């Protein structure tokens, strides 16, 4: 099986202490290195684009369109749906 390697280059950033500490805590929770966590977060920020359905929902929310009311029945259906995932 062939392995693909990505050439990496060093970069230096100055971050507030609280942000670096938060990254370290989150990296530990996810069993990642801080470098890997930052790489994943940056990749998601740059390349992750919402699909058409999400874009339409975002547009509805921003425009103030009246959305469907959340009822107990809807919540139960949602919980059942989530169980199937």
PDB file of N, CA and C in Angstrom:
ATOM      1  N   UNK A   1       0.834  -1.170   0.000  1.00  0.00           N
ATOM      2  CA  UNK A   1       0.000   0.000   0.000  1.00  0.00           C
ATOM      3  C   UNK A   1       0.885   1.241   0.000  1.00  0.00           C
ATOM      4  N   UNK A   2       0.632   2.137  -0.942  1.00  0.00           N
ATOM      5  CA  UNK A   2       1.435   3.354  -1.066  1.00  0.00           C
ATOM      6  C   UNK A   2       1.029   4.364  -0.005  1.00  0.00           C
ATOM      7  N   UNK A   3       2.010   5.083   0.492  1.00  0.00           N
ATOM      8  CA  UNK A   3       1.756   6.099   1.490  1.00  0.00           C
ATOM      9  C   UNK A   3       1.967   7.471   0.863  1.00  0.00           C
ATOM     10  N   UNK A   4       1.050   8.372   1.100  1.00  0.00           N
ATOM     11  CA  UNK A   4       1.176   9.731   0.596  1.00  0.00           C
ATOM     12  C   UNK A   4       1.676  10.604   1.733  1.00  0.00           C
ATOM     13  N   UNK A   5       2.738  11.323   1.473  1.00  0.00           N
ATOM     14  CA  UNK A   5       3.250  12.232   2.497  1.00  0.00           C
ATOM     15  C   UNK A   5       3.044  13.664   2.028  1.00  0.00           C
ATOM     16  N   UNK A   6       2.721  14.515   2.976  1.00  0.00           N
ATOM     17  CA  UNK A   6       2.529  15.927   2.691  1.00  0.00           C
ATOM     18  C   UNK A   6       3.703  16.679   3.285  1.00  0.00           C
ATOM     19  N   UNK A   7       4.342  17.463   2.445  1.00  0.00           N
ATOM     20  CA  UNK A   7       5.468  18.244   2.937  1.00  0.00           C
ATOM     21  C   UNK A   7       4.945  19.359   3.825  1.00  0.00           C
ATOM     22  N   UNK A   8       5.481  19.436   5.009  1.00  0.00           N
ATOM     23  CA  UNK A   8       5.050  20.446   5.967  1.00  0.00           C
ATOM     24  C   UNK A   8       6.155  21.488   6.133  1.00  0.00           C
ATOM     25  N   UNK A   9       5.721  22.705   6.374  1.00  0.00           N
ATOM     26  CA  UNK A   9       6.659  23.794   6.613  1.00  0.00           C
ATOM     27  C   UNK A   9       6.369  24.395   7.974  1.00  0.00           C
ATOM     28  N   UNK A  10       7.395  24.818   8.637  1.00  0.00           N
ATOM     29  CA  UNK A  10       7.243  25.419   9.963  1.00  0.00           C
ATOM     30  C   UNK A  10       6.613  26.801   9.854  1.00  0.00           C
ATOM     31  N   UNK A  11       5.805  27.129  10.819  1.00  0.00           N
ATOM     32  CA  UNK A  11       5.195  28.455  10.911  1.00  0.00           C
ATOM     33  C   UNK A  11       5.190  28.846  12.378  1.00  0.00           C
ATOM     34  N   UNK A  12       5.288  30.119  12.624  1.00  0.00           N
ATOM     35  CA  UNK A  12       5.319  30.600  13.999  1.00  0.00           C
ATOM     36  C   UNK A  12       4.168  31.585  14.200  1.00  0.00           C
ATOM     37  N   UNK A  13       3.411  31.398  15.282  1.00  0.00           N
ATOM     38  CA  UNK A  13       2.290  32.276  15.601  1.00  0.00           C
ATOM     39  C   UNK A  13       2.397  32.714  17.046  1.00  0.00           C
ATOM     40  N   UNK A  14       1.931  33.904  17.315  1.00  0.00           N
ATOM     41  CA  UNK A  14       1.843  34.387  18.687  1.00  0.00           C
ATOM     42  C   UNK A  14       0.372  34.337  19.074  1.00  0.00           C
ATOM     43  N   UNK A  15       0.088  33.624  20.151  1.00  0.00           N
ATOM     44  CA  UNK A  15      -1.280  33.467  20.628  1.00  0.00           C
ATOM     45  C   UNK A  15      -1.361  33.905  22.082  1.00  0.00           C
ATOM     46  N   UNK A  16      -2.533  34.399  22.494  1.00  0.00           N
ATOM     47  CA  UNK A  16      -2.701  34.694  23.916  1.00  0.00           C
ATOM     48  C   UNK A  16      -2.552  33.404  24.731  1.00  0.00           C
ATOM     49  N   UNK A  17      -2.036  33.517  25.923  1.00  0.00           N
ATOM     50  CA  UNK A  17      -1.807  32.352  26.768  1.00  0.00           C
ATOM     51  C   UNK A  17      -3.055  31.511  26.989  1.00  0.00           C
ATOM     52  N   UNK A  18      -4.199  32.192  27.227  1.00  0.00           N
ATOM     53  CA  UNK A  18      -5.434  31.443  27.480  1.00  0.00           C
ATOM     54  C   UNK A  18      -5.837  30.602  26.274  1.00  0.00           C
ATOM     55  N   UNK A  19      -5.558  31.115  25.054  1.00  0.00           N
ATOM     56  CA  UNK A  19      -5.916  30.360  23.851  1.00  0.00           C
ATOM     57  C   UNK A  19      -5.007  29.145  23.691  1.00  0.00           C
ATOM     58  N   UNK A  20      -3.726  29.320  23.901  1.00  0.00           N
ATOM     59  CA  UNK A  20      -2.797  28.194  23.824  1.00  0.00           C
ATOM     60  C   UNK A  20      -3.132  27.140  24.873  1.00  0.00           C
ATOM     61  N   UNK A  21      -3.463  27.574  26.085  1.00  0.00           N
ATOM     62  CA  UNK A  21      -3.852  26.624  27.136  1.00  0.00           C
ATOM     63  C   UNK A  21      -5.110  25.866  26.743  1.00  0.00           C
ATOM     64  N   UNK A  22      -6.071  26.575  26.170  1.00  0.00           N
ATOM     65  CA  UNK A  22      -7.298  25.929  25.709  1.00  0.00           C
ATOM     66  C   UNK A  22      -7.026  24.909  24.620  1.00  0.00           C
ATOM     67  N   UNK A  23      -6.124  25.232  23.706  1.00  0.00           N
ATOM     68  CA  UNK A  23      -5.750  24.284  22.647  1.00  0.00           C
ATOM     69  C   UNK A  23      -5.103  23.034  23.242  1.00  0.00           C
ATOM     70  N   UNK A  24      -4.257  23.219  24.233  1.00  0.00           N
ATOM     71  CA  UNK A  24      -3.600  22.073  24.876  1.00  0.00           C
ATOM     72  C   UNK A  24      -4.621  21.176  25.556  1.00  0.00           C
ATOM     73  N   UNK A  25      -5.574  21.782  26.250  1.00  0.00           N
ATOM     74  CA  UNK A  25      -6.613  21.001  26.938  1.00  0.00           C
ATOM     75  C   UNK A  25      -7.449  20.225  25.919  1.00  0.00           C
ATOM     76  N   UNK A  26      -7.874  20.898  24.861  1.00  0.00           N
ATOM     77  CA  UNK A  26      -8.700  20.245  23.844  1.00  0.00           C
ATOM     78  C   UNK A  26      -7.921  19.152  23.115  1.00  0.00           C
ATOM     79  N   UNK A  27      -6.663  19.392  22.838  1.00  0.00           N
ATOM     80  CA  UNK A  27      -5.834  18.384  22.181  1.00  0.00           C
ATOM     81  C   UNK A  27      -5.724  17.129  23.047  1.00  0.00           C
ATOM     82  N   UNK A  28      -5.539  17.319  24.346  1.00  0.00           N
ATOM     83  CA  UNK A  28      -5.474  16.170  25.259  1.00  0.00           C
ATOM     84  C   UNK A  28      -6.781  15.393  25.257  1.00  0.00           C
ATOM     85  N   UNK A  29      -7.912  16.120  25.277  1.00  0.00           N
ATOM     86  CA  UNK A  29      -9.228  15.463  25.267  1.00  0.00           C
ATOM     87  C   UNK A  29      -9.399  14.595  24.021  1.00  0.00           C
ATOM     88  N   UNK A  30      -8.888  15.081  22.905  1.00  0.00           N
ATOM     89  CA  UNK A  30      -9.058  14.373  21.632  1.00  0.00           C
ATOM     90  C   UNK A  30      -7.895  13.429  21.316  1.00  0.00           C
ATOM     91  N   UNK A  31      -6.957  13.293  22.265  1.00  0.00           N
ATOM     92  CA  UNK A  31      -5.780  12.439  22.074  1.00  0.00           C
ATOM     93  C   UNK A  31      -5.027  12.829  20.802  1.00  0.00           C
ATOM     94  N   UNK A  32      -4.796  14.128  20.651  1.00  0.00           N
ATOM     95  CA  UNK A  32      -4.068  14.678  19.509  1.00  0.00           C
ATOM     96  C   UNK A  32      -2.926  15.538  20.024  1.00  0.00           C
ATOM     97  N   UNK A  33      -2.026  15.855  19.119  1.00  0.00           N
ATOM     98  CA  UNK A  33      -1.024  16.868  19.443  1.00  0.00           C
ATOM     99  C   UNK A  33      -1.664  18.229  19.186  1.00  0.00           C
ATOM    100  N   UNK A  34      -1.115  19.263  19.797  1.00  0.00           N
ATOM    101  CA  UNK A  34      -1.622  20.611  19.557  1.00  0.00           C
ATOM    102  C   UNK A  34      -1.470  20.944  18.080  1.00  0.00           C
ATOM    103  N   UNK A  35      -0.359  20.572  17.482  1.00  0.00           N
ATOM    104  CA  UNK A  35      -0.132  20.826  16.064  1.00  0.00           C
ATOM    105  C   UNK A  35      -1.234  20.195  15.212  1.00  0.00           C
ATOM    106  N   UNK A  36      -1.577  18.932  15.492  1.00  0.00           N
ATOM    107  CA  UNK A  36      -2.600  18.241  14.717  1.00  0.00           C
ATOM    108  C   UNK A  36      -3.965  18.892  14.919  1.00  0.00           C
ATOM    109  N   UNK A  37      -4.287  19.277  16.143  1.00  0.00           N
ATOM    110  CA  UNK A  37      -5.557  19.922  16.425  1.00  0.00           C
ATOM    111  C   UNK A  37      -5.671  21.229  15.651  1.00  0.00           C
ATOM    112  N   UNK A  38      -4.637  22.042  15.692  1.00  0.00           N
ATOM    113  CA  UNK A  38      -4.651  23.322  14.976  1.00  0.00           C
ATOM    114  C   UNK A  38      -4.791  23.079  13.478  1.00  0.00           C
ATOM    115  N   UNK A  39      -4.103  22.083  12.953  1.00  0.00           N
ATOM    116  CA  UNK A  39      -4.190  21.760  11.529  1.00  0.00           C
ATOM    117  C   UNK A  39      -5.623  21.371  11.140  1.00  0.00           C
ATOM    118  N   UNK A  40      -6.253  20.526  11.938  1.00  0.00           N
ATOM    119  CA  UNK A  40      -7.627  20.092  11.647  1.00  0.00           C
ATOM    120  C   UNK A  40      -8.592  21.272  11.723  1.00  0.00           C
ATOM    121  N   UNK A  41      -8.455  22.113  12.745  1.00  0.00           N
ATOM    122  CA  UNK A  41      -9.332  23.269  12.893  1.00  0.00           C
ATOM    123  C   UNK A  41      -9.164  24.220  11.702  1.00  0.00           C
ATOM    124  N   UNK A  42      -7.946  24.461  11.295  1.00  0.00           N
ATOM    125  CA  UNK A  42      -7.705  25.356  10.159  1.00  0.00           C
ATOM    126  C   UNK A  42      -8.236  24.764   8.854  1.00  0.00           C
ATOM    127  N   UNK A  43      -8.043  23.472   8.652  1.00  0.00           N
ATOM    128  CA  UNK A  43      -8.580  22.830   7.449  1.00  0.00           C
ATOM    129  C   UNK A  43     -10.096  22.950   7.395  1.00  0.00           C
ATOM    130  N   UNK A  44     -10.757  22.713   8.531  1.00  0.00           N
ATOM    131  CA  UNK A  44     -12.218  22.847   8.577  1.00  0.00           C
ATOM    132  C   UNK A  44     -12.650  24.284   8.308  1.00  0.00           C
ATOM    133  N   UNK A  45     -11.931  25.233   8.849  1.00  0.00           N
ATOM    134  CA  UNK A  45     -12.291  26.641   8.667  1.00  0.00           C
ATOM    135  C   UNK A  45     -12.135  27.079   7.218  1.00  0.00           C
ATOM    136  N   UNK A  46     -11.153  26.548   6.542  1.00  0.00           N
ATOM    137  CA  UNK A  46     -10.873  26.982   5.176  1.00  0.00           C
ATOM    138  C   UNK A  46     -11.673  26.206   4.137  1.00  0.00           C
ATOM    139  N   UNK A  47     -11.793  24.904   4.296  1.00  0.00           N
ATOM    140  CA  UNK A  47     -12.353  24.073   3.232  1.00  0.00           C
ATOM    141  C   UNK A  47     -13.753  23.543   3.478  1.00  0.00           C
ATOM    142  N   UNK A  48     -14.264  23.682   4.662  1.00  0.00           N
ATOM    143  CA  UNK A  48     -15.586  23.130   4.955  1.00  0.00           C
ATOM    144  C   UNK A  48     -16.658  24.113   4.519  1.00  0.00           C
ATOM    145  N   UNK A  49     -17.430  23.733   3.529  1.00  0.00           N
ATOM    146  CA  UNK A  49     -18.491  24.593   3.024  1.00  0.00           C
ATOM    147  C   UNK A  49     -19.832  23.940   3.324  1.00  0.00           C
ATOM    148  N   UNK A  50     -20.788  24.728   3.794  1.00  0.00           N
ATOM    149  CA  UNK A  50     -22.101  24.153   4.085  1.00  0.00           C
ATOM    150  C   UNK A  50     -22.794  23.696   2.804  1.00  0.00           C
ATOM    151  N   UNK A  51     -23.609  22.631   2.924  1.00  0.00           N
ATOM    152  CA  UNK A  51     -24.349  22.151   1.761  1.00  0.00           C
ATOM    153  C   UNK A  51     -25.539  23.069   1.491  1.00  0.00           C
ATOM    154  N   UNK A  52     -26.273  22.796   0.396  1.00  0.00           N
ATOM    155  CA  UNK A  52     -27.375  23.657  -0.030  1.00  0.00           C
ATOM    156  C   UNK A  52     -28.468  23.760   1.033  1.00  0.00           C
ATOM    157  N   UNK A  53     -28.774  22.642   1.692  1.00  0.00           N
ATOM    158  CA  UNK A  53     -29.826  22.644   2.717  1.00  0.00           C
ATOM    159  C   UNK A  53     -29.433  23.531   3.902  1.00  0.00           C
ATOM    160  N   UNK A  54     -28.188  23.429   4.312  1.00  0.00           N
ATOM    161  CA  UNK A  54     -27.711  24.249   5.428  1.00  0.00           C
ATOM    162  C   UNK A  54     -27.694  25.729   5.039  1.00  0.00           C
ATOM    163  N   UNK A  55     -27.248  26.022   3.818  1.00  0.00           N
ATOM    164  CA  UNK A  55     -27.245  27.411   3.358  1.00  0.00           C
ATOM    165  C   UNK A  55     -28.658  27.986   3.334  1.00  0.00           C
ATOM    166  N   UNK A  56     -29.634  27.187   2.879  1.00  0.00           N
ATOM    167  CA  UNK A  56     -31.028  27.645   2.849  1.00  0.00           C
ATOM    168  C   UNK A  56     -31.539  27.905   4.265  1.00  0.00           C
ATOM    169  N   UNK A  57     -31.206  27.029   5.215  1.00  0.00           N
ATOM    170  CA  UNK A  57     -31.626  27.213   6.605  1.00  0.00           C
ATOM    171  C   UNK A  57     -30.990  28.464   7.197  1.00  0.00           C
ATOM    172  N   UNK A  58     -29.735  28.695   6.883  1.00  0.00           N
ATOM    173  CA  UNK A  58     -29.051  29.889   7.377  1.00  0.00           C
ATOM    174  C   UNK A  58     -29.715  31.150   6.817  1.00  0.00           C
ATOM    175  N   UNK A  59     -30.104  31.094   5.537  1.00  0.00           N
ATOM    176  CA  UNK A  59     -30.766  32.229   4.902  1.00  0.00           C
ATOM    177  C   UNK A  59     -32.117  32.489   5.565  1.00  0.00           C
ATOM    178  N   UNK A  60     -32.875  31.420   5.849  1.00  0.00           N
ATOM    179  CA  UNK A  60     -34.172  31.565   6.529  1.00  0.00           C
ATOM    180  C   UNK A  60     -34.000  32.226   7.892  1.00  0.00           C
ATOM    181  N   UNK A  61     -33.018  31.765   8.643  1.00  0.00           N
ATOM    182  CA  UNK A  61     -32.782  32.321   9.983  1.00  0.00           C
ATOM    183  C   UNK A  61     -32.413  33.799   9.902  1.00  0.00           C
ATOM    184  N   UNK A  62     -31.556  34.129   8.963  1.00  0.00           N
ATOM    185  CA  UNK A  62     -31.106  35.514   8.836  1.00  0.00           C
ATOM    186  C   UNK A  62     -32.227  36.434   8.367  1.00  0.00           C
ATOM    187  N   UNK A  63     -33.151  35.903   7.565  1.00  0.00           N
ATOM    188  CA  UNK A  63     -34.213  36.748   7.003  1.00  0.00           C
ATOM    189  C   UNK A  63     -35.390  36.926   7.960  1.00  0.00           C
ATOM    190  N   UNK A  64     -35.434  36.160   9.034  1.00  0.00           N
ATOM    191  CA  UNK A  64     -36.520  36.267   9.979  1.00  0.00           C
ATOM    192  C   UNK A  64     -37.762  35.500   9.572  1.00  0.00           C
ATOM    193  N   UNK A  65     -37.626  34.613   8.585  1.00  0.00           N
ATOM    194  CA  UNK A  65     -38.760  33.785   8.165  1.00  0.00           C
ATOM    195  C   UNK A  65     -39.239  32.987   9.366  1.00  0.00           C
ATOM    196  N   UNK A  66     -40.559  32.876   9.517  1.00  0.00           N
ATOM    197  CA  UNK A  66     -41.098  32.138  10.655  1.00  0.00           C
ATOM    198  C   UNK A  66     -40.788  30.656  10.473  1.00  0.00           C
ATOM    199  N   UNK A  67     -40.092  30.096  11.414  1.00  0.00           N
ATOM    200  CA  UNK A  67     -39.670  28.707  11.343  1.00  0.00           C
ATOM    201  C   UNK A  67     -40.679  27.801  12.049  1.00  0.00           C
ATOM    202  N   UNK A  68     -40.580  26.520  11.771  1.00  0.00           N
ATOM    203  CA  UNK A  68     -41.474  25.543  12.389  1.00  0.00           C
ATOM    204  C   UNK A  68     -41.250  25.518  13.894  1.00  0.00           C
ATOM    205  N   UNK A  69     -42.356  25.477  14.634  1.00  0.00           N
ATOM    206  CA  UNK A  69     -42.273  25.464  16.089  1.00  0.00           C
ATOM    207  C   UNK A  69     -41.832  24.086  16.569  1.00  0.00           C
ATOM    208  N   UNK A  70     -40.955  24.072  17.547  1.00  0.00           N
ATOM    209  CA  UNK A  70     -40.482  22.831  18.126  1.00  0.00           C
ATOM    210  C   UNK A  70     -41.468  22.382  19.195  1.00  0.00           C
ATOM    211  N   UNK A  71     -42.062  21.201  19.002  1.00  0.00           N
ATOM    212  CA  UNK A  71     -43.037  20.670  19.948  1.00  0.00           C
ATOM    213  C   UNK A  71     -42.484  19.401  20.575  1.00  0.00           C
ATOM    214  N   UNK A  72     -43.195  18.886  21.582  1.00  0.00           N
ATOM    215  CA  UNK A  72     -42.750  17.638  22.216  1.00  0.00           C
ATOM    216  C   UNK A  72     -42.721  16.504  21.202  1.00  0.00           C
ATOM    217  N   UNK A  73     -43.696  16.481  20.292  1.00  0.00           N
ATOM    218  CA  UNK A  73     -43.740  15.429  19.268  1.00  0.00           C
ATOM    219  C   UNK A  73     -42.528  15.530  18.346  1.00  0.00           C
ATOM    220  N   UNK A  74     -42.176  16.751  17.945  1.00  0.00           N
ATOM    221  CA  UNK A  74     -40.995  16.933  17.103  1.00  0.00           C
ATOM    222  C   UNK A  74     -39.735  16.458  17.819  1.00  0.00           C
ATOM    223  N   UNK A  75     -39.651  16.765  19.109  1.00  0.00           N
ATOM    224  CA  UNK A  75     -38.474  16.374  19.884  1.00  0.00           C
ATOM    225  C   UNK A  75     -38.380  14.848  19.961  1.00  0.00           C
ATOM    226  N   UNK A  76     -39.503  14.179  20.188  1.00  0.00           N
ATOM    227  CA  UNK A  76     -39.488  12.716  20.239  1.00  0.00           C
ATOM    228  C   UNK A  76     -39.060  12.145  18.896  1.00  0.00           C
ATOM    229  N   UNK A  77     -39.574  12.702  17.799  1.00  0.00           N
ATOM    230  CA  UNK A  77     -39.172  12.238  16.471  1.00  0.00           C
ATOM    231  C   UNK A  77     -37.686  12.464  16.249  1.00  0.00           C
ATOM    232  N   UNK A  78     -37.190  13.600  16.709  1.00  0.00           N
ATOM    233  CA  UNK A  78     -35.777  13.910  16.567  1.00  0.00           C
ATOM    234  C   UNK A  78     -34.931  12.919  17.359  1.00  0.00           C
ATOM    235  N   UNK A  79     -35.351  12.617  18.577  1.00  0.00           N
ATOM    236  CA  UNK A  79     -34.603  11.671  19.398  1.00  0.00           C
ATOM    237  C   UNK A  79     -34.569  10.297  18.741  1.00  0.00           C
ATOM    238  N   UNK A  80     -35.680   9.868  18.150  1.00  0.00           N
ATOM    239  CA  UNK A  80     -35.722   8.562  17.451  1.00  0.00           C
ATOM    240  C   UNK A  80     -34.813   8.592  16.239  1.00  0.00           C
ATOM    241  N   UNK A  81     -34.835   9.703  15.522  1.00  0.00           N
ATOM    242  CA  UNK A  81     -33.970   9.842  14.347  1.00  0.00           C
ATOM    243  C   UNK A  81     -32.501   9.772  14.737  1.00  0.00           C
ATOM    244  N   UNK A  82     -32.150  10.464  15.798  1.00  0.00           N
ATOM    245  CA  UNK A  82     -30.756  10.473  16.258  1.00  0.00           C
ATOM    246  C   UNK A  82     -30.295   9.073  16.634  1.00  0.00           C
ATOM    247  N   UNK A  83     -31.168   8.286  17.216  1.00  0.00           N
ATOM    248  CA  UNK A  83     -30.824   6.900  17.590  1.00  0.00           C
ATOM    249  C   UNK A  83     -30.467   6.057  16.370  1.00  0.00           C
ATOM    250  N   UNK A  84     -31.020   6.396  15.212  1.00  0.00           N
ATOM    251  CA  UNK A  84     -30.750   5.610  14.003  1.00  0.00           C
ATOM    252  C   UNK A  84     -29.400   5.964  13.373  1.00  0.00           C
ATOM    253  N   UNK A  85     -28.817   7.052  13.808  1.00  0.00           N
ATOM    254  CA  UNK A  85     -27.537   7.471  13.200  1.00  0.00           C
ATOM    255  C   UNK A  85     -26.385   6.626  13.642  1.00  0.00           C
TER     256      UNK A  85
END
